[in-house]
Amino acid sequence: MIEPYANPLPPVFVCASASRAAALEKLLGDDLSYTHSAALTETKPQVLQVIKSGSTKYDAIEFNDTKVRQYGDVVITNHKMTIKNPPNTVNKLFVTMVWAKQSGGWQLVVCVKQNADYRVCVGHA
């Protein structure tokens, strides 16, 4: 079995649809801290509410340059992520995820996304 953190497209994003919210709930730690690239931080219940509402839609999600480091029951992954949103928006991000081995298996406990376009980060166009 491939651990959830080792998948080229982490299942936390594969399950990010209203029909798969139950599967996603098992992958998220109860104390999840999920910080979006706009600095909004959400808890597990907040993330699940957004997913169940269907308000967030993706045309495609790609992960590249994944790096995985394991320290006992903790795994840290770093990715370059490209999200394509309808109608024609493309976001390039750096993503860091922290996975912890809990009683229910591997769960995502921290996710931090930051904009990969340095010019945007410092306010230059």
C-alpha atoms as a PDB file:
ATOM      1  CA  MET A   1       0.000   0.000   0.000  1.00  0.00           C
ATOM      2  CA  ILE A   2       1.257   3.468  -0.871  1.00  0.00           C
ATOM      3  CA  GLU A   3       1.116   5.791   2.119  1.00  0.00           C
ATOM      4  CA  PRO A   4      -1.028   8.887   1.489  1.00  0.00           C
ATOM      5  CA  TYR A   5       1.936  11.242   1.720  1.00  0.00           C
ATOM      6  CA  ALA A   6       3.871   9.305  -0.950  1.00  0.00           C
ATOM      7  CA  ASN A   7       1.237   9.583  -3.683  1.00  0.00           C
ATOM      8  CA  PRO A   8       2.277  11.886  -6.556  1.00  0.00           C
ATOM      9  CA  LEU A   9      -1.092  13.617  -6.100  1.00  0.00           C
ATOM     10  CA  PRO A  10      -1.770  13.526  -2.371  1.00  0.00           C
ATOM     11  CA  PRO A  11      -5.215  12.045  -1.747  1.00  0.00           C
ATOM     12  CA  VAL A  12      -6.179  15.057   0.322  1.00  0.00           C
ATOM     13  CA  PHE A  13      -6.584  16.833  -3.037  1.00  0.00           C
ATOM     14  CA  VAL A  14      -8.027  13.835  -4.894  1.00  0.00           C
ATOM     15  CA  CYS A  15     -10.763  13.678  -2.244  1.00  0.00           C
ATOM     16  CA  ALA A  16     -11.433  17.420  -2.364  1.00  0.00           C
ATOM     17  CA  SER A  17     -14.946  17.059  -3.733  1.00  0.00           C
ATOM     18  CA  ALA A  18     -18.302  16.950  -1.998  1.00  0.00           C
ATOM     19  CA  SER A  19     -18.834  13.304  -2.985  1.00  0.00           C
ATOM     20  CA  ARG A  20     -15.582  12.259  -1.304  1.00  0.00           C
ATOM     21  CA  ALA A  21     -15.828  14.286   1.895  1.00  0.00           C
ATOM     22  CA  ALA A  22     -16.080  11.138   4.056  1.00  0.00           C
ATOM     23  CA  ALA A  23     -12.794   9.811   2.651  1.00  0.00           C
ATOM     24  CA  LEU A  24     -11.184  13.202   3.140  1.00  0.00           C
ATOM     25  CA  GLU A  25     -12.341  13.352   6.754  1.00  0.00           C
ATOM     26  CA  LYS A  26     -10.278  10.228   7.540  1.00  0.00           C
ATOM     27  CA  LEU A  27      -7.148  11.776   5.986  1.00  0.00           C
ATOM     28  CA  LEU A  28      -7.327  14.990   8.036  1.00  0.00           C
ATOM     29  CA  GLY A  29      -6.075  15.126  11.611  1.00  0.00           C
ATOM     30  CA  ASP A  30      -8.489  16.479  14.221  1.00  0.00           C
ATOM     31  CA  ASP A  31      -6.057  19.322  15.005  1.00  0.00           C
ATOM     32  CA  LEU A  32      -5.447  20.228  11.346  1.00  0.00           C
ATOM     33  CA  SER A  33      -4.011  23.664  10.548  1.00  0.00           C
ATOM     34  CA  TYR A  34      -4.562  24.391   6.835  1.00  0.00           C
ATOM     35  CA  THR A  35      -3.138  27.713   5.629  1.00  0.00           C
ATOM     36  CA  HIS A  36      -4.001  28.894   2.140  1.00  0.00           C
ATOM     37  CA  SER A  37      -1.721  31.056  -0.013  1.00  0.00           C
ATOM     38  CA  ALA A  38      -3.836  34.110   0.903  1.00  0.00           C
ATOM     39  CA  ALA A  39      -2.940  33.478   4.584  1.00  0.00           C
ATOM     40  CA  LEU A  40      -6.414  32.206   5.543  1.00  0.00           C
ATOM     41  CA  THR A  41      -5.985  29.397   8.080  1.00  0.00           C
ATOM     42  CA  GLU A  42      -8.731  26.809   8.510  1.00  0.00           C
ATOM     43  CA  THR A  43      -9.413  23.953  10.903  1.00  0.00           C
ATOM     44  CA  LYS A  44     -10.579  20.466   9.932  1.00  0.00           C
ATOM     45  CA  PRO A  45     -14.299  21.326  10.335  1.00  0.00           C
ATOM     46  CA  GLN A  46     -13.852  24.471   8.232  1.00  0.00           C
ATOM     47  CA  VAL A  47     -12.020  22.609   5.453  1.00  0.00           C
ATOM     48  CA  LEU A  48     -14.686  19.904   5.390  1.00  0.00           C
ATOM     49  CA  GLN A  49     -17.490  22.478   5.297  1.00  0.00           C
ATOM     50  CA  VAL A  50     -15.963  24.164   2.243  1.00  0.00           C
ATOM     51  CA  ILE A  51     -15.499  20.813   0.493  1.00  0.00           C
ATOM     52  CA  LYS A  52     -19.040  19.648   1.280  1.00  0.00           C
ATOM     53  CA  SER A  53     -20.498  22.937   0.036  1.00  0.00           C
ATOM     54  CA  GLY A  54     -18.952  22.407  -3.396  1.00  0.00           C
ATOM     55  CA  SER A  55     -17.958  26.081  -3.552  1.00  0.00           C
ATOM     56  CA  THR A  56     -14.336  25.292  -4.474  1.00  0.00           C
ATOM     57  CA  LYS A  57     -13.841  23.824  -7.923  1.00  0.00           C
ATOM     58  CA  TYR A  58     -10.656  22.680  -9.650  1.00  0.00           C
ATOM     59  CA  ASP A  59     -10.199  21.884 -13.317  1.00  0.00           C
ATOM     60  CA  ALA A  60      -6.823  20.278 -12.612  1.00  0.00           C
ATOM     61  CA  ILE A  61      -4.212  19.920  -9.882  1.00  0.00           C
ATOM     62  CA  GLU A  62      -0.609  18.963 -10.575  1.00  0.00           C
ATOM     63  CA  PHE A  63       2.227  18.276  -8.160  1.00  0.00           C
ATOM     64  CA  ASN A  64       5.882  18.382  -9.212  1.00  0.00           C
ATOM     65  CA  ASP A  65       9.268  18.137  -7.519  1.00  0.00           C
ATOM     66  CA  THR A  66       7.879  16.272  -4.508  1.00  0.00           C
ATOM     67  CA  LYS A  67      10.327  15.756  -1.668  1.00  0.00           C
ATOM     68  CA  VAL A  68       9.498  13.425   1.231  1.00  0.00           C
ATOM     69  CA  ARG A  69      11.340  13.277   4.566  1.00  0.00           C
ATOM     70  CA  GLN A  70      10.326  10.905   7.354  1.00  0.00           C
ATOM     71  CA  TYR A  71      11.164  11.359  11.020  1.00  0.00           C
ATOM     72  CA  GLY A  72       9.634   8.415  12.873  1.00  0.00           C
ATOM     73  CA  ASP A  73       5.859   8.906  12.923  1.00  0.00           C
ATOM     74  CA  VAL A  74       6.062  12.297  11.159  1.00  0.00           C
ATOM     75  CA  VAL A  75       6.517  12.916   7.436  1.00  0.00           C
ATOM     76  CA  ILE A  76       7.151  16.309   5.829  1.00  0.00           C
ATOM     77  CA  THR A  77       6.468  16.740   2.131  1.00  0.00           C
ATOM     78  CA  ASN A  78       7.287  19.680  -0.113  1.00  0.00           C
ATOM     79  CA  HIS A  79       5.731  20.141  -3.531  1.00  0.00           C
ATOM     80  CA  LYS A  80       5.386  22.571  -6.375  1.00  0.00           C
ATOM     81  CA  MET A  81       1.676  22.722  -7.096  1.00  0.00           C
ATOM     82  CA  THR A  82      -0.251  24.060 -10.077  1.00  0.00           C
ATOM     83  CA  ILE A  83      -4.001  24.552  -9.669  1.00  0.00           C
ATOM     84  CA  LYS A  84      -6.241  25.331 -12.620  1.00  0.00           C
ATOM     85  CA  ASN A  85      -9.552  26.881 -11.564  1.00  0.00           C
ATOM     86  CA  PRO A  86     -12.502  27.701 -13.789  1.00  0.00           C
ATOM     87  CA  PRO A  87     -12.703  29.622 -15.983  1.00  0.00           C
ATOM     88  CA  ASN A  88      -9.006  30.263 -16.792  1.00  0.00           C
ATOM     89  CA  THR A  89      -7.118  30.889 -13.565  1.00  0.00           C
ATOM     90  CA  VAL A  90      -3.786  29.170 -12.934  1.00  0.00           C
ATOM     91  CA  ASN A  91      -2.110  29.338  -9.518  1.00  0.00           C
ATOM     92  CA  LYS A  92       1.436  28.161  -8.927  1.00  0.00           C
ATOM     93  CA  LEU A  93       2.214  27.393  -5.295  1.00  0.00           C
ATOM     94  CA  PHE A  94       4.808  25.906  -2.993  1.00  0.00           C
ATOM     95  CA  VAL A  95       3.156  23.478  -0.576  1.00  0.00           C
ATOM     96  CA  THR A  96       4.468  22.010   2.658  1.00  0.00           C
ATOM     97  CA  MET A  97       2.496  19.230   4.309  1.00  0.00           C
ATOM     98  CA  VAL A  98       3.085  17.534   7.639  1.00  0.00           C
ATOM     99  CA  TRP A  99       1.656  14.041   8.038  1.00  0.00           C
ATOM    100  CA  ALA A 100       1.476  12.272  11.423  1.00  0.00           C
ATOM    101  CA  LYS A 101       0.920   8.572  11.993  1.00  0.00           C
ATOM    102  CA  GLN A 102      -2.151   8.487  14.236  1.00  0.00           C
ATOM    103  CA  SER A 103      -4.223   5.564  15.480  1.00  0.00           C
ATOM    104  CA  GLY A 104      -6.286   5.745  12.269  1.00  0.00           C
ATOM    105  CA  GLY A 105      -3.205   5.745  10.017  1.00  0.00           C
ATOM    106  CA  TRP A 106      -1.420   8.652   8.332  1.00  0.00           C
ATOM    107  CA  GLN A 107      -3.240  11.964   8.645  1.00  0.00           C
ATOM    108  CA  LEU A 108      -2.517  15.451   7.376  1.00  0.00           C
ATOM    109  CA  VAL A 109      -1.997  17.760  10.373  1.00  0.00           C
ATOM    110  CA  VAL A 110      -0.442  20.838   8.712  1.00  0.00           C
ATOM    111  CA  CYS A 111      -0.696  22.211   5.186  1.00  0.00           C
ATOM    112  CA  VAL A 112       0.851  25.543   4.202  1.00  0.00           C
ATOM    113  CA  LYS A 113       0.600  26.937   0.681  1.00  0.00           C
ATOM    114  CA  GLN A 114       2.513  29.966  -0.528  1.00  0.00           C
ATOM    115  CA  ASN A 115       2.528  31.733  -3.834  1.00  0.00           C
ATOM    116  CA  ALA A 116       5.347  30.536  -6.078  1.00  0.00           C
ATOM    117  CA  ASP A 117       5.510  33.803  -8.035  1.00  0.00           C
ATOM    118  CA  TYR A 118       8.016  35.950  -6.133  1.00  0.00           C
ATOM    119  CA  ARG A 119       6.827  39.097  -7.923  1.00  0.00           C
ATOM    120  CA  VAL A 120       3.325  38.621  -6.484  1.00  0.00           C
ATOM    121  CA  CYS A 121       4.693  37.969  -2.995  1.00  0.00           C
ATOM    122  CA  VAL A 122       6.498  41.312  -2.887  1.00  0.00           C
ATOM    123  CA  GLY A 123       3.771  43.274  -4.651  1.00  0.00           C
ATOM    124  CA  HIS A 124       5.384  43.681  -8.068  1.00  0.00           C
ATOM    125  CA  ALA A 125       3.538  42.900 -11.261  1.00  0.00           C
END
